[in-house]
Amino acid sequence: MNEVRRMIECGLGIGFLPVHLADPYAARGDLFHLPPYENEPSATVFLITNQAVSLSEAEQVLLEEMQRNSNT
């Protein structure tokens, strides 16, 4: 989780963190809670993978889920 938090803080994107882990950083202003939205905005997301790299089982499951839930 620390790696995810650091990537978010470095501006590499947004991410999901358990509230109990994010709260101390949000209190300092390092992270910001995004409220749940109705009619959430959407954006095109491009998934890029390197076919030459072997994926762990967890990475493969995540990739398969993302592909299964994509609109294309």
PDB file of N, CA and C in Angstrom:
ATOM      1  N   MET A   1       0.810  -1.191   0.000  1.00  0.00           N
ATOM      2  CA  MET A   1       0.000   0.000   0.000  1.00  0.00           C
ATOM      3  C   MET A   1       0.857   1.261   0.000  1.00  0.00           C
ATOM      4  N   ASN A   2       2.013   1.203   0.625  1.00  0.00           N
ATOM      5  CA  ASN A   2       2.875   2.386   0.643  1.00  0.00           C
ATOM      6  C   ASN A   2       3.302   2.777  -0.765  1.00  0.00           C
ATOM      7  N   GLU A   3       3.533   1.769  -1.611  1.00  0.00           N
ATOM      8  CA  GLU A   3       3.950   2.063  -2.973  1.00  0.00           C
ATOM      9  C   GLU A   3       2.826   2.745  -3.740  1.00  0.00           C
ATOM     10  N   VAL A   4       1.602   2.280  -3.545  1.00  0.00           N
ATOM     11  CA  VAL A   4       0.454   2.890  -4.210  1.00  0.00           C
ATOM     12  C   VAL A   4       0.305   4.338  -3.752  1.00  0.00           C
ATOM     13  N   ARG A   5       0.395   4.555  -2.454  1.00  0.00           N
ATOM     14  CA  ARG A   5       0.280   5.916  -1.912  1.00  0.00           C
ATOM     15  C   ARG A   5       1.362   6.816  -2.480  1.00  0.00           C
ATOM     16  N   ARG A   6       2.589   6.334  -2.533  1.00  0.00           N
ATOM     17  CA  ARG A   6       3.680   7.148  -3.072  1.00  0.00           C
ATOM     18  C   ARG A   6       3.453   7.495  -4.537  1.00  0.00           C
ATOM     19  N   MET A   7       2.954   6.542  -5.314  1.00  0.00           N
ATOM     20  CA  MET A   7       2.686   6.833  -6.723  1.00  0.00           C
ATOM     21  C   MET A   7       1.595   7.886  -6.869  1.00  0.00           C
ATOM     22  N   ILE A   8       0.568   7.801  -6.022  1.00  0.00           N
ATOM     23  CA  ILE A   8      -0.505   8.803  -6.053  1.00  0.00           C
ATOM     24  C   ILE A   8       0.067  10.170  -5.690  1.00  0.00           C
ATOM     25  N   GLU A   9       0.872  10.228  -4.638  1.00  0.00           N
ATOM     26  CA  GLU A   9       1.461  11.497  -4.199  1.00  0.00           C
ATOM     27  C   GLU A   9       2.389  12.084  -5.262  1.00  0.00           C
ATOM     28  N   CYS A  10       3.018  11.226  -6.051  1.00  0.00           N
ATOM     29  CA  CYS A  10       3.926  11.707  -7.104  1.00  0.00           C
ATOM     30  C   CYS A  10       3.178  12.146  -8.361  1.00  0.00           C
ATOM     31  N   GLY A  11       1.865  11.996  -8.349  1.00  0.00           N
ATOM     32  CA  GLY A  11       1.076  12.445  -9.481  1.00  0.00           C
ATOM     33  C   GLY A  11       0.957  11.443 -10.609  1.00  0.00           C
ATOM     34  N   LEU A  12       1.190  10.171 -10.324  1.00  0.00           N
ATOM     35  CA  LEU A  12       1.108   9.164 -11.377  1.00  0.00           C
ATOM     36  C   LEU A  12      -0.323   8.723 -11.656  1.00  0.00           C
ATOM     37  N   GLY A  13      -1.267   9.231 -10.901  1.00  0.00           N
ATOM     38  CA  GLY A  13      -2.664   8.875 -11.138  1.00  0.00           C
ATOM     39  C   GLY A  13      -3.454   8.907  -9.853  1.00  0.00           C
ATOM     40  N   ILE A  14      -4.620   8.293  -9.900  1.00  0.00           N
ATOM     41  CA  ILE A  14      -5.456   8.168  -8.716  1.00  0.00           C
ATOM     42  C   ILE A  14      -5.452   6.715  -8.308  1.00  0.00           C
ATOM     43  N   GLY A  15      -5.861   6.439  -7.104  1.00  0.00           N
ATOM     44  CA  GLY A  15      -5.881   5.063  -6.658  1.00  0.00           C
ATOM     45  C   GLY A  15      -6.810   4.884  -5.484  1.00  0.00           C
ATOM     46  N   PHE A  16      -7.035   3.658  -5.153  1.00  0.00           N
ATOM     47  CA  PHE A  16      -7.894   3.298  -4.035  1.00  0.00           C
ATOM     48  C   PHE A  16      -7.024   2.870  -2.865  1.00  0.00           C
ATOM     49  N   LEU A  17      -7.282   3.477  -1.727  1.00  0.00           N
ATOM     50  CA  LEU A  17      -6.595   3.109  -0.496  1.00  0.00           C
ATOM     51  C   LEU A  17      -7.640   2.892   0.591  1.00  0.00           C
ATOM     52  N   PRO A  18      -7.393   1.966   1.506  1.00  0.00           N
ATOM     53  CA  PRO A  18      -8.304   1.838   2.645  1.00  0.00           C
ATOM     54  C   PRO A  18      -8.343   3.165   3.412  1.00  0.00           C
ATOM     55  N   VAL A  19      -9.520   3.529   3.853  1.00  0.00           N
ATOM     56  CA  VAL A  19      -9.702   4.820   4.533  1.00  0.00           C
ATOM     57  C   VAL A  19      -8.763   4.949   5.716  1.00  0.00           C
ATOM     58  N   HIS A  20      -8.601   3.890   6.495  1.00  0.00           N
ATOM     59  CA  HIS A  20      -7.753   3.995   7.694  1.00  0.00           C
ATOM     60  C   HIS A  20      -6.286   4.256   7.342  1.00  0.00           C
ATOM     61  N   LEU A  21      -5.864   3.886   6.151  1.00  0.00           N
ATOM     62  CA  LEU A  21      -4.496   4.182   5.726  1.00  0.00           C
ATOM     63  C   LEU A  21      -4.379   5.558   5.085  1.00  0.00           C
ATOM     64  N   ALA A  22      -5.429   6.005   4.421  1.00  0.00           N
ATOM     65  CA  ALA A  22      -5.398   7.294   3.726  1.00  0.00           C
ATOM     66  C   ALA A  22      -5.651   8.471   4.653  1.00  0.00           C
ATOM     67  N   ASP A  23      -6.422   8.267   5.715  1.00  0.00           N
ATOM     68  CA  ASP A  23      -6.828   9.381   6.586  1.00  0.00           C
ATOM     69  C   ASP A  23      -5.672  10.231   7.123  1.00  0.00           C
ATOM     70  N   PRO A  24      -4.587   9.650   7.623  1.00  0.00           N
ATOM     71  CA  PRO A  24      -3.499  10.499   8.124  1.00  0.00           C
ATOM     72  C   PRO A  24      -2.906  11.403   7.044  1.00  0.00           C
ATOM     73  N   TYR A  25      -2.810  10.902   5.836  1.00  0.00           N
ATOM     74  CA  TYR A  25      -2.255  11.691   4.733  1.00  0.00           C
ATOM     75  C   TYR A  25      -3.261  12.739   4.256  1.00  0.00           C
ATOM     76  N   ALA A  26      -4.539  12.395   4.296  1.00  0.00           N
ATOM     77  CA  ALA A  26      -5.574  13.365   3.942  1.00  0.00           C
ATOM     78  C   ALA A  26      -5.617  14.493   4.974  1.00  0.00           C
ATOM     79  N   ALA A  27      -5.423  14.168   6.246  1.00  0.00           N
ATOM     80  CA  ALA A  27      -5.431  15.188   7.299  1.00  0.00           C
ATOM     81  C   ALA A  27      -4.296  16.190   7.102  1.00  0.00           C
ATOM     82  N   ARG A  28      -3.174  15.739   6.553  1.00  0.00           N
ATOM     83  CA  ARG A  28      -2.037  16.637   6.287  1.00  0.00           C
ATOM     84  C   ARG A  28      -2.174  17.355   4.951  1.00  0.00           C
ATOM     85  N   GLY A  29      -3.163  16.970   4.141  1.00  0.00           N
ATOM     86  CA  GLY A  29      -3.339  17.592   2.838  1.00  0.00           C
ATOM     87  C   GLY A  29      -2.528  16.945   1.737  1.00  0.00           C
ATOM     88  N   ASP A  30      -1.922  15.799   2.031  1.00  0.00           N
ATOM     89  CA  ASP A  30      -1.123  15.100   1.015  1.00  0.00           C
ATOM     90  C   ASP A  30      -1.992  14.300   0.052  1.00  0.00           C
ATOM     91  N   LEU A  31      -3.122  13.819   0.533  1.00  0.00           N
ATOM     92  CA  LEU A  31      -4.075  13.082  -0.291  1.00  0.00           C
ATOM     93  C   LEU A  31      -5.446  13.710  -0.118  1.00  0.00           C
ATOM     94  N   PHE A  32      -6.315  13.469  -1.069  1.00  0.00           N
ATOM     95  CA  PHE A  32      -7.667  14.021  -1.012  1.00  0.00           C
ATOM     96  C   PHE A  32      -8.673  12.917  -1.247  1.00  0.00           C
ATOM     97  N   HIS A  33      -9.684  12.875  -0.387  1.00  0.00           N
ATOM     98  CA  HIS A  33     -10.780  11.932  -0.577  1.00  0.00           C
ATOM     99  C   HIS A  33     -11.642  12.414  -1.737  1.00  0.00           C
ATOM    100  N   LEU A  34     -11.989  11.499  -2.603  1.00  0.00           N
ATOM    101  CA  LEU A  34     -12.944  11.804  -3.667  1.00  0.00           C
ATOM    102  C   LEU A  34     -14.288  11.241  -3.232  1.00  0.00           C
ATOM    103  N   PRO A  35     -15.297  12.080  -3.220  1.00  0.00           N
ATOM    104  CA  PRO A  35     -16.604  11.582  -2.769  1.00  0.00           C
ATOM    105  C   PRO A  35     -17.195  10.615  -3.782  1.00  0.00           C
ATOM    106  N   PRO A  36     -18.090   9.753  -3.335  1.00  0.00           N
ATOM    107  CA  PRO A  36     -18.798   8.926  -4.312  1.00  0.00           C
ATOM    108  C   PRO A  36     -19.663   9.828  -5.180  1.00  0.00           C
ATOM    109  N   TYR A  37     -19.706   9.536  -6.430  1.00  0.00           N
ATOM    110  CA  TYR A  37     -20.480  10.334  -7.367  1.00  0.00           C
ATOM    111  C   TYR A  37     -21.626   9.516  -7.932  1.00  0.00           C
ATOM    112  N   GLU A  38     -22.702  10.196  -8.229  1.00  0.00           N
ATOM    113  CA  GLU A  38     -23.741   9.612  -9.065  1.00  0.00           C
ATOM    114  C   GLU A  38     -23.460  10.121 -10.464  1.00  0.00           C
ATOM    115  N   ASN A  39     -23.799   9.347 -11.443  1.00  0.00           N
ATOM    116  CA  ASN A  39     -23.496   9.719 -12.829  1.00  0.00           C
ATOM    117  C   ASN A  39     -22.014  10.065 -12.971  1.00  0.00           C
ATOM    118  N   GLU A  40     -21.188   9.143 -12.582  1.00  0.00           N
ATOM    119  CA  GLU A  40     -19.743   9.357 -12.575  1.00  0.00           C
ATOM    120  C   GLU A  40     -19.238   9.781 -13.942  1.00  0.00           C
ATOM    121  N   PRO A  41     -18.274  10.685 -13.962  1.00  0.00           N
ATOM    122  CA  PRO A  41     -17.670  11.048 -15.239  1.00  0.00           C
ATOM    123  C   PRO A  41     -16.894   9.858 -15.792  1.00  0.00           C
ATOM    124  N   SER A  42     -16.744   9.816 -17.068  1.00  0.00           N
ATOM    125  CA  SER A  42     -16.001   8.708 -17.658  1.00  0.00           C
ATOM    126  C   SER A  42     -14.862   9.263 -18.506  1.00  0.00           C
ATOM    127  N   ALA A  43     -13.902   8.435 -18.715  1.00  0.00           N
ATOM    128  CA  ALA A  43     -12.759   8.798 -19.537  1.00  0.00           C
ATOM    129  C   ALA A  43     -12.263   7.541 -20.234  1.00  0.00           C
ATOM    130  N   THR A  44     -11.641   7.730 -21.356  1.00  0.00           N
ATOM    131  CA  THR A  44     -11.040   6.613 -22.059  1.00  0.00           C
ATOM    132  C   THR A  44      -9.784   6.188 -21.312  1.00  0.00           C
ATOM    133  N   VAL A  45      -9.660   4.893 -21.094  1.00  0.00           N
ATOM    134  CA  VAL A  45      -8.493   4.345 -20.411  1.00  0.00           C
ATOM    135  C   VAL A  45      -7.808   3.386 -21.369  1.00  0.00           C
ATOM    136  N   PHE A  46      -6.523   3.540 -21.509  1.00  0.00           N
ATOM    137  CA  PHE A  46      -5.746   2.658 -22.362  1.00  0.00           C
ATOM    138  C   PHE A  46      -4.944   1.717 -21.479  1.00  0.00           C
ATOM    139  N   LEU A  47      -5.068   0.445 -21.726  1.00  0.00           N
ATOM    140  CA  LEU A  47      -4.335  -0.563 -20.977  1.00  0.00           C
ATOM    141  C   LEU A  47      -3.168  -1.023 -21.837  1.00  0.00           C
ATOM    142  N   ILE A  48      -1.975  -0.816 -21.341  1.00  0.00           N
ATOM    143  CA  ILE A  48      -0.769  -1.160 -22.089  1.00  0.00           C
ATOM    144  C   ILE A  48      -0.005  -2.222 -21.311  1.00  0.00           C
ATOM    145  N   THR A  49       0.327  -3.295 -21.966  1.00  0.00           N
ATOM    146  CA  THR A  49       1.087  -4.362 -21.324  1.00  0.00           C
ATOM    147  C   THR A  49       2.286  -4.728 -22.193  1.00  0.00           C
ATOM    148  N   ASN A  50       3.252  -5.333 -21.575  1.00  0.00           N
ATOM    149  CA  ASN A  50       4.434  -5.807 -22.279  1.00  0.00           C
ATOM    150  C   ASN A  50       4.330  -7.322 -22.396  1.00  0.00           C
ATOM    151  N   GLN A  51       4.087  -7.814 -23.582  1.00  0.00           N
ATOM    152  CA  GLN A  51       3.900  -9.246 -23.807  1.00  0.00           C
ATOM    153  C   GLN A  51       5.159 -10.063 -23.476  1.00  0.00           C
ATOM    154  N   ALA A  52       6.309  -9.415 -23.434  1.00  0.00           N
ATOM    155  CA  ALA A  52       7.557 -10.122 -23.155  1.00  0.00           C
ATOM    156  C   ALA A  52       7.784 -10.346 -21.661  1.00  0.00           C
ATOM    157  N   VAL A  53       6.955  -9.733 -20.818  1.00  0.00           N
ATOM    158  CA  VAL A  53       7.119  -9.848 -19.367  1.00  0.00           C
ATOM    159  C   VAL A  53       6.126 -10.869 -18.833  1.00  0.00           C
ATOM    160  N   SER A  54       6.622 -11.807 -18.032  1.00  0.00           N
ATOM    161  CA  SER A  54       5.744 -12.790 -17.405  1.00  0.00           C
ATOM    162  C   SER A  54       4.998 -12.132 -16.250  1.00  0.00           C
ATOM    163  N   LEU A  55       3.698 -12.383 -16.181  1.00  0.00           N
ATOM    164  CA  LEU A  55       2.881 -11.801 -15.126  1.00  0.00           C
ATOM    165  C   LEU A  55       2.709 -12.789 -13.986  1.00  0.00           C
ATOM    166  N   SER A  56       2.620 -12.254 -12.763  1.00  0.00           N
ATOM    167  CA  SER A  56       2.294 -13.107 -11.627  1.00  0.00           C
ATOM    168  C   SER A  56       0.834 -13.519 -11.748  1.00  0.00           C
ATOM    169  N   GLU A  57       0.419 -14.455 -10.948  1.00  0.00           N
ATOM    170  CA  GLU A  57      -0.981 -14.892 -10.992  1.00  0.00           C
ATOM    171  C   GLU A  57      -1.919 -13.729 -10.675  1.00  0.00           C
ATOM    172  N   ALA A  58      -1.567 -12.913  -9.682  1.00  0.00           N
ATOM    173  CA  ALA A  58      -2.397 -11.764  -9.313  1.00  0.00           C
ATOM    174  C   ALA A  58      -2.471 -10.756 -10.450  1.00  0.00           C
ATOM    175  N   GLU A  59      -1.348 -10.501 -11.108  1.00  0.00           N
ATOM    176  CA  GLU A  59      -1.329  -9.564 -12.236  1.00  0.00           C
ATOM    177  C   GLU A  59      -2.177 -10.085 -13.394  1.00  0.00           C
ATOM    178  N   GLN A  60      -2.093 -11.382 -13.637  1.00  0.00           N
ATOM    179  CA  GLN A  60      -2.872 -11.986 -14.721  1.00  0.00           C
ATOM    180  C   GLN A  60      -4.366 -11.890 -14.430  1.00  0.00           C
ATOM    181  N   VAL A  61      -4.767 -12.156 -13.184  1.00  0.00           N
ATOM    182  CA  VAL A  61      -6.180 -12.061 -12.809  1.00  0.00           C
ATOM    183  C   VAL A  61      -6.666 -10.623 -12.967  1.00  0.00           C
ATOM    184  N   LEU A  62      -5.868  -9.660 -12.516  1.00  0.00           N
ATOM    185  CA  LEU A  62      -6.242  -8.253 -12.656  1.00  0.00           C
ATOM    186  C   LEU A  62      -6.404  -7.889 -14.134  1.00  0.00           C
ATOM    187  N   LEU A  63      -5.456  -8.272 -14.956  1.00  0.00           N
ATOM    188  CA  LEU A  63      -5.520  -7.974 -16.383  1.00  0.00           C
ATOM    189  C   LEU A  63      -6.758  -8.599 -17.024  1.00  0.00           C
ATOM    190  N   GLU A  64      -7.035  -9.854 -16.688  1.00  0.00           N
ATOM    191  CA  GLU A  64      -8.210 -10.529 -17.238  1.00  0.00           C
ATOM    192  C   GLU A  64      -9.502  -9.834 -16.814  1.00  0.00           C
ATOM    193  N   GLU A  65      -9.582  -9.423 -15.543  1.00  0.00           N
ATOM    194  CA  GLU A  65     -10.771  -8.716 -15.055  1.00  0.00           C
ATOM    195  C   GLU A  65     -10.949  -7.379 -15.763  1.00  0.00           C
ATOM    196  N   MET A  66      -9.857  -6.663 -15.949  1.00  0.00           N
ATOM    197  CA  MET A  66      -9.940  -5.379 -16.634  1.00  0.00           C
ATOM    198  C   MET A  66     -10.402  -5.572 -18.077  1.00  0.00           C
ATOM    199  N   GLN A  67      -9.888  -6.576 -18.728  1.00  0.00           N
ATOM    200  CA  GLN A  67     -10.290  -6.853 -20.107  1.00  0.00           C
ATOM    201  C   GLN A  67     -11.736  -7.313 -20.174  1.00  0.00           C
ATOM    202  N   ARG A  68     -12.139  -8.134 -19.212  1.00  0.00           N
ATOM    203  CA  ARG A  68     -13.517  -8.632 -19.184  1.00  0.00           C
ATOM    204  C   ARG A  68     -14.516  -7.522 -18.948  1.00  0.00           C
ATOM    205  N   ASN A  69     -14.140  -6.541 -18.145  1.00  0.00           N
ATOM    206  CA  ASN A  69     -15.040  -5.442 -17.810  1.00  0.00           C
ATOM    207  C   ASN A  69     -14.919  -4.233 -18.721  1.00  0.00           C
ATOM    208  N   SER A  70     -14.081  -4.339 -19.745  1.00  0.00           N
ATOM    209  CA  SER A  70     -13.936  -3.201 -20.661  1.00  0.00           C
ATOM    210  C   SER A  70     -15.134  -3.144 -21.591  1.00  0.00           C
ATOM    211  N   ASN A  71     -15.336  -1.993 -22.177  1.00  0.00           N
ATOM    212  CA  ASN A  71     -16.453  -1.797 -23.089  1.00  0.00           C
ATOM    213  C   ASN A  71     -16.140  -2.219 -24.512  1.00  0.00           C
ATOM    214  N   THR A  72     -14.915  -2.659 -24.753  1.00  0.00           N
ATOM    215  CA  THR A  72     -14.546  -3.026 -26.119  1.00  0.00           C
ATOM    216  C   THR A  72     -14.389  -4.515 -26.251  1.00  0.00           C
TER     217      THR A  72
END
